[in-house]
Amino acid sequence: MEVVVVAAIAVITTLVATLIQKKITDVDLVKSLKSEIKKINKEMRETKQDTQKLNKLISKNFEIQKKMMGQTIKPIMISSVLTLTVFFMISVFFKGAVLSLPVSLPFIGNKLNWFWIFILSSTISSLIFRKVLNIEF
């Protein structure tokens, strides 16, 4: 039963973090910034001889990356506080949560403790939520 509770908490935490990301991040802006960075990188590869133009492109690239970082770092900071709080609570209340596997996994073995249950549940649910909520950069 503890395993199911830990997995459910992981899924709920991931859903909240994904919704925070969708609400705060301007996905269209991030996509356009990524596209712009791609163009600049291509231009930089083609402009190896002209140092002055290369420096301008590097500077422009840096400014665009700062904008993109500003868009993506806010939801990460908020989600990190949430996730760390949940991690602490799970570590206190669900220390004994162990899932026995039918096969042994490399480096992990055939038993998953609460940490691995959380990571596995969170990763799988994150992929699903990002696809369903159309959060693609």
N, C-alpha and C. Protein backbone atom coordinates (compact mmCIF):
# COMPACT_ATOMS: atom_id res chain seq x y z
N MET A 1 0.81 -1.20 0.00
CA MET A 1 0.00 0.00 0.00
C MET A 1 0.86 1.27 0.00
N GLU A 2 1.97 1.23 0.74
CA GLU A 2 2.85 2.40 0.79
C GLU A 2 3.41 2.73 -0.59
N VAL A 3 3.69 1.69 -1.37
CA VAL A 3 4.23 1.89 -2.71
C VAL A 3 3.25 2.67 -3.57
N VAL A 4 1.98 2.32 -3.49
CA VAL A 4 0.94 3.00 -4.27
C VAL A 4 0.81 4.46 -3.83
N VAL A 5 0.89 4.70 -2.54
CA VAL A 5 0.78 6.07 -2.02
C VAL A 5 1.96 6.91 -2.51
N VAL A 6 3.18 6.35 -2.44
CA VAL A 6 4.37 7.08 -2.91
C VAL A 6 4.24 7.38 -4.40
N ALA A 7 3.80 6.39 -5.19
CA ALA A 7 3.63 6.59 -6.63
C ALA A 7 2.57 7.66 -6.90
N ALA A 8 1.47 7.62 -6.15
CA ALA A 8 0.40 8.62 -6.33
C ALA A 8 0.89 10.02 -5.97
N ILE A 9 1.65 10.13 -4.90
CA ILE A 9 2.21 11.43 -4.51
C ILE A 9 3.15 11.94 -5.60
N ALA A 10 3.94 11.05 -6.18
CA ALA A 10 4.86 11.43 -7.25
C ALA A 10 4.09 11.94 -8.47
N VAL A 11 3.02 11.24 -8.83
CA VAL A 11 2.22 11.64 -9.98
C VAL A 11 1.55 13.00 -9.73
N ILE A 12 1.01 13.19 -8.54
CA ILE A 12 0.36 14.47 -8.21
C ILE A 12 1.38 15.61 -8.21
N THR A 13 2.54 15.37 -7.61
CA THR A 13 3.60 16.38 -7.59
C THR A 13 4.04 16.74 -9.00
N THR A 14 4.18 15.74 -9.84
CA THR A 14 4.58 15.96 -11.23
C THR A 14 3.50 16.74 -11.99
N LEU A 15 2.25 16.41 -11.75
CA LEU A 15 1.16 17.13 -12.40
C LEU A 15 1.17 18.61 -12.00
N VAL A 16 1.33 18.87 -10.72
CA VAL A 16 1.37 20.26 -10.25
C VAL A 16 2.57 21.00 -10.86
N ALA A 17 3.74 20.35 -10.88
CA ALA A 17 4.94 20.97 -11.46
C ALA A 17 4.74 21.24 -12.96
N THR A 18 4.10 20.32 -13.65
CA THR A 18 3.85 20.50 -15.08
C THR A 18 2.86 21.64 -15.33
N LEU A 19 1.83 21.72 -14.50
CA LEU A 19 0.87 22.82 -14.63
C LEU A 19 1.51 24.17 -14.33
N ILE A 20 2.40 24.20 -13.35
CA ILE A 20 3.15 25.43 -13.04
C ILE A 20 3.98 25.83 -14.25
N GLN A 21 4.65 24.85 -14.85
CA GLN A 21 5.48 25.14 -16.03
C GLN A 21 4.62 25.66 -17.17
N LYS A 22 3.47 25.05 -17.40
CA LYS A 22 2.59 25.49 -18.49
C LYS A 22 2.06 26.90 -18.24
N LYS A 23 1.73 27.20 -17.00
CA LYS A 23 1.15 28.50 -16.66
C LYS A 23 2.18 29.63 -16.75
N ILE A 24 3.40 29.37 -16.29
CA ILE A 24 4.41 30.43 -16.19
C ILE A 24 5.22 30.61 -17.47
N THR A 25 5.52 29.52 -18.15
CA THR A 25 6.39 29.58 -19.32
C THR A 25 5.60 29.97 -20.57
N ASP A 26 6.14 30.91 -21.32
CA ASP A 26 5.58 31.27 -22.62
C ASP A 26 6.20 30.33 -23.66
N VAL A 27 5.51 29.24 -23.94
CA VAL A 27 6.04 28.18 -24.80
C VAL A 27 6.36 28.71 -26.19
N ASP A 28 5.50 29.54 -26.74
CA ASP A 28 5.74 30.08 -28.09
C ASP A 28 7.00 30.93 -28.12
N LEU A 29 7.21 31.72 -27.07
CA LEU A 29 8.42 32.55 -26.99
C LEU A 29 9.66 31.67 -26.92
N VAL A 30 9.62 30.63 -26.09
CA VAL A 30 10.77 29.73 -25.96
C VAL A 30 11.06 29.04 -27.29
N LYS A 31 10.01 28.61 -28.00
CA LYS A 31 10.21 27.97 -29.30
C LYS A 31 10.85 28.94 -30.29
N SER A 32 10.37 30.18 -30.32
CA SER A 32 10.93 31.16 -31.26
C SER A 32 12.38 31.50 -30.89
N LEU A 33 12.67 31.59 -29.59
CA LEU A 33 14.05 31.86 -29.16
C LEU A 33 14.97 30.71 -29.55
N LYS A 34 14.50 29.48 -29.39
CA LYS A 34 15.31 28.32 -29.79
C LYS A 34 15.58 28.34 -31.29
N SER A 35 14.56 28.69 -32.05
CA SER A 35 14.71 28.78 -33.50
C SER A 35 15.73 29.85 -33.87
N GLU A 36 15.66 30.98 -33.19
CA GLU A 36 16.60 32.07 -33.43
C GLU A 36 18.03 31.65 -33.09
N ILE A 37 18.19 30.95 -31.99
CA ILE A 37 19.52 30.46 -31.59
C ILE A 37 20.07 29.50 -32.64
N LYS A 38 19.20 28.65 -33.19
CA LYS A 38 19.63 27.72 -34.24
C LYS A 38 20.16 28.48 -35.46
N LYS A 39 19.42 29.52 -35.85
CA LYS A 39 19.84 30.32 -37.00
C LYS A 39 21.18 31.01 -36.74
N ILE A 40 21.32 31.56 -35.54
CA ILE A 40 22.57 32.24 -35.19
C ILE A 40 23.73 31.26 -35.16
N ASN A 41 23.51 30.08 -34.61
CA ASN A 41 24.58 29.06 -34.57
C ASN A 41 25.00 28.65 -35.98
N LYS A 42 24.03 28.52 -36.87
CA LYS A 42 24.35 28.18 -38.26
C LYS A 42 25.17 29.30 -38.89
N GLU A 43 24.74 30.53 -38.65
CA GLU A 43 25.46 31.69 -39.19
C GLU A 43 26.87 31.78 -38.60
N MET A 44 27.01 31.43 -37.33
CA MET A 44 28.33 31.47 -36.68
C MET A 44 29.28 30.45 -37.31
N ARG A 45 28.74 29.27 -37.64
CA ARG A 45 29.58 28.25 -38.28
C ARG A 45 30.06 28.71 -39.66
N GLU A 46 29.19 29.46 -40.34
CA GLU A 46 29.54 29.94 -41.68
C GLU A 46 30.44 31.16 -41.64
N THR A 47 30.48 31.89 -40.53
CA THR A 47 31.23 33.14 -40.41
C THR A 47 32.43 32.96 -39.50
N LYS A 48 33.32 32.09 -39.85
CA LYS A 48 34.48 31.84 -38.99
C LYS A 48 35.60 32.87 -39.22
N GLN A 49 35.67 33.45 -40.41
CA GLN A 49 36.77 34.36 -40.73
C GLN A 49 36.54 35.78 -40.22
N ASP A 50 35.31 36.27 -40.29
CA ASP A 50 35.01 37.65 -39.90
C ASP A 50 34.81 37.72 -38.38
N THR A 51 35.87 38.10 -37.67
CA THR A 51 35.87 38.10 -36.20
C THR A 51 34.86 39.09 -35.63
N GLN A 52 34.75 40.24 -36.25
CA GLN A 52 33.84 41.26 -35.74
C GLN A 52 32.38 40.78 -35.83
N LYS A 53 32.02 40.21 -36.95
CA LYS A 53 30.66 39.69 -37.13
C LYS A 53 30.41 38.52 -36.18
N LEU A 54 31.43 37.69 -36.00
CA LEU A 54 31.32 36.55 -35.10
C LEU A 54 31.07 37.01 -33.67
N ASN A 55 31.78 38.04 -33.24
CA ASN A 55 31.59 38.58 -31.89
C ASN A 55 30.17 39.13 -31.70
N LYS A 56 29.64 39.79 -32.74
CA LYS A 56 28.26 40.30 -32.66
C LYS A 56 27.26 39.15 -32.54
N LEU A 57 27.51 38.10 -33.32
CA LEU A 57 26.62 36.94 -33.27
C LEU A 57 26.67 36.25 -31.90
N ILE A 58 27.87 36.15 -31.35
CA ILE A 58 28.03 35.54 -30.02
C ILE A 58 27.28 36.36 -28.98
N SER A 59 27.41 37.68 -29.07
CA SER A 59 26.72 38.57 -28.13
C SER A 59 25.20 38.44 -28.26
N LYS A 60 24.72 38.40 -29.49
CA LYS A 60 23.29 38.25 -29.74
C LYS A 60 22.79 36.90 -29.22
N ASN A 61 23.58 35.87 -29.45
CA ASN A 61 23.25 34.52 -28.98
C ASN A 61 23.13 34.51 -27.45
N PHE A 62 24.06 35.17 -26.79
CA PHE A 62 24.07 35.24 -25.33
C PHE A 62 22.81 35.93 -24.81
N GLU A 63 22.42 37.03 -25.45
CA GLU A 63 21.23 37.77 -25.03
C GLU A 63 19.96 36.92 -25.19
N ILE A 64 19.88 36.20 -26.29
CA ILE A 64 18.71 35.35 -26.53
C ILE A 64 18.66 34.22 -25.50
N GLN A 65 19.81 33.64 -25.20
CA GLN A 65 19.86 32.57 -24.20
C GLN A 65 19.46 33.07 -22.82
N LYS A 66 19.81 34.31 -22.50
CA LYS A 66 19.39 34.91 -21.23
C LYS A 66 17.87 35.00 -21.16
N LYS A 67 17.25 35.44 -22.26
CA LYS A 67 15.79 35.53 -22.30
C LYS A 67 15.16 34.15 -22.11
N MET A 68 15.73 33.17 -22.80
CA MET A 68 15.19 31.82 -22.72
C MET A 68 15.36 31.26 -21.31
N MET A 69 16.50 31.51 -20.70
CA MET A 69 16.76 31.05 -19.34
C MET A 69 15.76 31.68 -18.37
N GLY A 70 15.47 32.96 -18.58
CA GLY A 70 14.49 33.63 -17.73
C GLY A 70 13.12 32.99 -17.81
N GLN A 71 12.76 32.51 -18.98
CA GLN A 71 11.47 31.85 -19.16
C GLN A 71 11.43 30.47 -18.51
N THR A 72 12.52 29.74 -18.56
CA THR A 72 12.51 28.36 -18.08
C THR A 72 12.92 28.19 -16.62
N ILE A 73 13.64 29.14 -16.06
CA ILE A 73 14.16 28.97 -14.70
C ILE A 73 13.09 29.21 -13.63
N LYS A 74 12.14 30.11 -13.89
CA LYS A 74 11.10 30.42 -12.89
C LYS A 74 10.28 29.19 -12.49
N PRO A 75 9.72 28.46 -13.46
CA PRO A 75 8.95 27.28 -13.05
C PRO A 75 9.81 26.19 -12.40
N ILE A 76 11.08 26.12 -12.79
CA ILE A 76 11.97 25.13 -12.18
C ILE A 76 12.19 25.46 -10.71
N MET A 77 12.38 26.72 -10.40
CA MET A 77 12.60 27.13 -9.01
C MET A 77 11.37 26.81 -8.15
N ILE A 78 10.20 27.16 -8.64
CA ILE A 78 8.97 26.90 -7.89
C ILE A 78 8.75 25.40 -7.71
N SER A 79 8.92 24.65 -8.79
CA SER A 79 8.73 23.20 -8.73
C SER A 79 9.75 22.53 -7.82
N SER A 80 10.95 23.06 -7.78
CA SER A 80 11.99 22.49 -6.92
C SER A 80 11.62 22.59 -5.45
N VAL A 81 11.07 23.73 -5.06
CA VAL A 81 10.64 23.90 -3.66
C VAL A 81 9.55 22.88 -3.34
N LEU A 82 8.59 22.73 -4.23
CA LEU A 82 7.51 21.76 -4.04
C LEU A 82 8.07 20.34 -3.95
N THR A 83 8.91 19.97 -4.89
CA THR A 83 9.44 18.61 -4.94
C THR A 83 10.31 18.30 -3.73
N LEU A 84 11.15 19.23 -3.33
CA LEU A 84 12.00 18.99 -2.16
C LEU A 84 11.18 18.83 -0.88
N THR A 85 10.11 19.61 -0.77
CA THR A 85 9.22 19.48 0.38
C THR A 85 8.56 18.10 0.39
N VAL A 86 8.08 17.68 -0.75
CA VAL A 86 7.45 16.36 -0.87
C VAL A 86 8.47 15.26 -0.60
N PHE A 87 9.68 15.40 -1.13
CA PHE A 87 10.76 14.43 -0.89
C PHE A 87 11.00 14.26 0.61
N PHE A 88 11.09 15.38 1.31
CA PHE A 88 11.34 15.33 2.75
C PHE A 88 10.21 14.58 3.46
N MET A 89 8.97 14.92 3.12
CA MET A 89 7.83 14.26 3.77
C MET A 89 7.79 12.77 3.47
N ILE A 90 8.07 12.39 2.23
CA ILE A 90 8.07 10.97 1.89
C ILE A 90 9.18 10.24 2.64
N SER A 91 10.35 10.86 2.72
CA SER A 91 11.47 10.21 3.41
C SER A 91 11.18 9.98 4.89
N VAL A 92 10.36 10.84 5.47
CA VAL A 92 10.00 10.69 6.89
C VAL A 92 8.90 9.64 7.07
N PHE A 93 7.86 9.70 6.25
CA PHE A 93 6.68 8.86 6.47
C PHE A 93 6.69 7.53 5.73
N PHE A 94 7.48 7.40 4.66
CA PHE A 94 7.42 6.18 3.86
C PHE A 94 8.79 5.54 3.67
N LYS A 95 9.59 5.50 4.72
CA LYS A 95 10.93 4.89 4.64
C LYS A 95 10.85 3.43 4.23
N GLY A 96 9.83 2.74 4.68
CA GLY A 96 9.73 1.30 4.46
C GLY A 96 9.10 0.90 3.14
N ALA A 97 8.75 1.86 2.32
CA ALA A 97 8.10 1.52 1.04
C ALA A 97 9.10 0.85 0.12
N VAL A 98 8.84 -0.43 -0.19
CA VAL A 98 9.74 -1.19 -1.06
C VAL A 98 8.91 -1.95 -2.08
N LEU A 99 9.32 -1.86 -3.33
CA LEU A 99 8.66 -2.58 -4.41
C LEU A 99 9.60 -3.69 -4.88
N SER A 100 9.15 -4.94 -4.80
CA SER A 100 9.97 -6.07 -5.26
C SER A 100 9.72 -6.29 -6.74
N LEU A 101 10.80 -6.38 -7.50
CA LEU A 101 10.71 -6.58 -8.94
C LEU A 101 10.95 -8.04 -9.29
N PRO A 102 10.37 -8.52 -10.38
CA PRO A 102 10.60 -9.91 -10.79
C PRO A 102 12.00 -10.14 -11.37
N VAL A 103 12.65 -9.07 -11.80
CA VAL A 103 14.01 -9.17 -12.35
C VAL A 103 14.90 -8.17 -11.64
N SER A 104 16.18 -8.42 -11.70
CA SER A 104 17.15 -7.52 -11.06
C SER A 104 17.62 -6.48 -12.07
N LEU A 105 17.60 -5.22 -11.66
CA LEU A 105 18.07 -4.13 -12.51
C LEU A 105 19.52 -3.81 -12.21
N PRO A 106 20.30 -3.45 -13.23
CA PRO A 106 21.70 -3.08 -12.98
C PRO A 106 21.80 -1.90 -12.02
N PHE A 107 22.71 -1.97 -11.09
CA PHE A 107 23.01 -0.93 -10.10
C PHE A 107 21.91 -0.73 -9.05
N ILE A 108 20.73 -1.27 -9.28
CA ILE A 108 19.63 -1.06 -8.34
C ILE A 108 19.27 -2.35 -7.61
N GLY A 109 19.27 -3.45 -8.33
CA GLY A 109 18.88 -4.73 -7.74
C GLY A 109 17.43 -5.04 -8.07
N ASN A 110 16.81 -5.91 -7.24
CA ASN A 110 15.42 -6.29 -7.54
C ASN A 110 14.42 -5.66 -6.57
N LYS A 111 14.87 -4.70 -5.79
CA LYS A 111 13.98 -3.98 -4.88
C LYS A 111 14.14 -2.47 -5.09
N LEU A 112 13.01 -1.79 -5.21
CA LEU A 112 13.02 -0.33 -5.36
C LEU A 112 12.52 0.29 -4.07
N ASN A 113 13.32 1.18 -3.49
CA ASN A 113 12.85 1.89 -2.29
C ASN A 113 12.02 3.10 -2.71
N TRP A 114 11.57 3.90 -1.74
CA TRP A 114 10.68 5.03 -2.02
C TRP A 114 11.27 6.00 -3.02
N PHE A 115 12.59 6.21 -2.97
CA PHE A 115 13.25 7.15 -3.87
C PHE A 115 13.08 6.72 -5.32
N TRP A 116 13.38 5.45 -5.62
CA TRP A 116 13.29 4.95 -6.99
C TRP A 116 11.84 4.86 -7.46
N ILE A 117 10.93 4.54 -6.54
CA ILE A 117 9.50 4.52 -6.88
C ILE A 117 9.07 5.93 -7.29
N PHE A 118 9.49 6.93 -6.53
CA PHE A 118 9.15 8.33 -6.81
C PHE A 118 9.73 8.75 -8.16
N ILE A 119 11.01 8.47 -8.38
CA ILE A 119 11.67 8.86 -9.63
C ILE A 119 11.00 8.20 -10.83
N LEU A 120 10.76 6.91 -10.75
CA LEU A 120 10.14 6.18 -11.86
C LEU A 120 8.73 6.70 -12.15
N SER A 121 7.92 6.83 -11.11
CA SER A 121 6.54 7.33 -11.28
C SER A 121 6.54 8.76 -11.83
N SER A 122 7.42 9.58 -11.31
CA SER A 122 7.50 10.97 -11.72
C SER A 122 7.94 11.10 -13.18
N THR A 123 8.93 10.32 -13.57
CA THR A 123 9.43 10.39 -14.95
C THR A 123 8.37 9.96 -15.95
N ILE A 124 7.73 8.85 -15.68
CA ILE A 124 6.70 8.35 -16.60
C ILE A 124 5.53 9.32 -16.67
N SER A 125 5.06 9.79 -15.52
CA SER A 125 3.92 10.71 -15.53
C SER A 125 4.28 12.05 -16.17
N SER A 126 5.52 12.49 -16.01
CA SER A 126 5.96 13.74 -16.63
C SER A 126 5.89 13.64 -18.15
N LEU A 127 6.35 12.53 -18.70
CA LEU A 127 6.27 12.34 -20.15
C LEU A 127 4.83 12.39 -20.64
N ILE A 128 3.95 11.74 -19.89
CA ILE A 128 2.54 11.71 -20.27
C ILE A 128 1.91 13.10 -20.16
N PHE A 129 2.13 13.77 -19.03
CA PHE A 129 1.52 15.09 -18.82
C PHE A 129 2.03 16.11 -19.84
N ARG A 130 3.32 16.07 -20.14
CA ARG A 130 3.89 17.03 -21.10
C ARG A 130 3.29 16.80 -22.49
N LYS A 131 3.03 15.55 -22.83
CA LYS A 131 2.43 15.24 -24.13
C LYS A 131 0.96 15.68 -24.16
N VAL A 132 0.22 15.34 -23.10
CA VAL A 132 -1.20 15.67 -23.04
C VAL A 132 -1.42 17.18 -22.98
N LEU A 133 -0.60 17.89 -22.21
CA LEU A 133 -0.75 19.34 -22.06
C LEU A 133 -0.01 20.12 -23.15
N ASN A 134 0.59 19.39 -24.07
CA ASN A 134 1.29 20.00 -25.22
C ASN A 134 2.37 20.98 -24.78
N ILE A 135 3.25 20.52 -23.89
CA ILE A 135 4.37 21.35 -23.45
C ILE A 135 5.62 20.80 -24.14
N GLU A 136 5.88 21.29 -25.30
CA GLU A 136 7.04 20.87 -26.09
C GLU A 136 7.84 22.11 -26.45
N PHE A 137 9.11 22.09 -26.15
CA PHE A 137 9.95 23.24 -26.51
C PHE A 137 10.69 22.94 -27.78
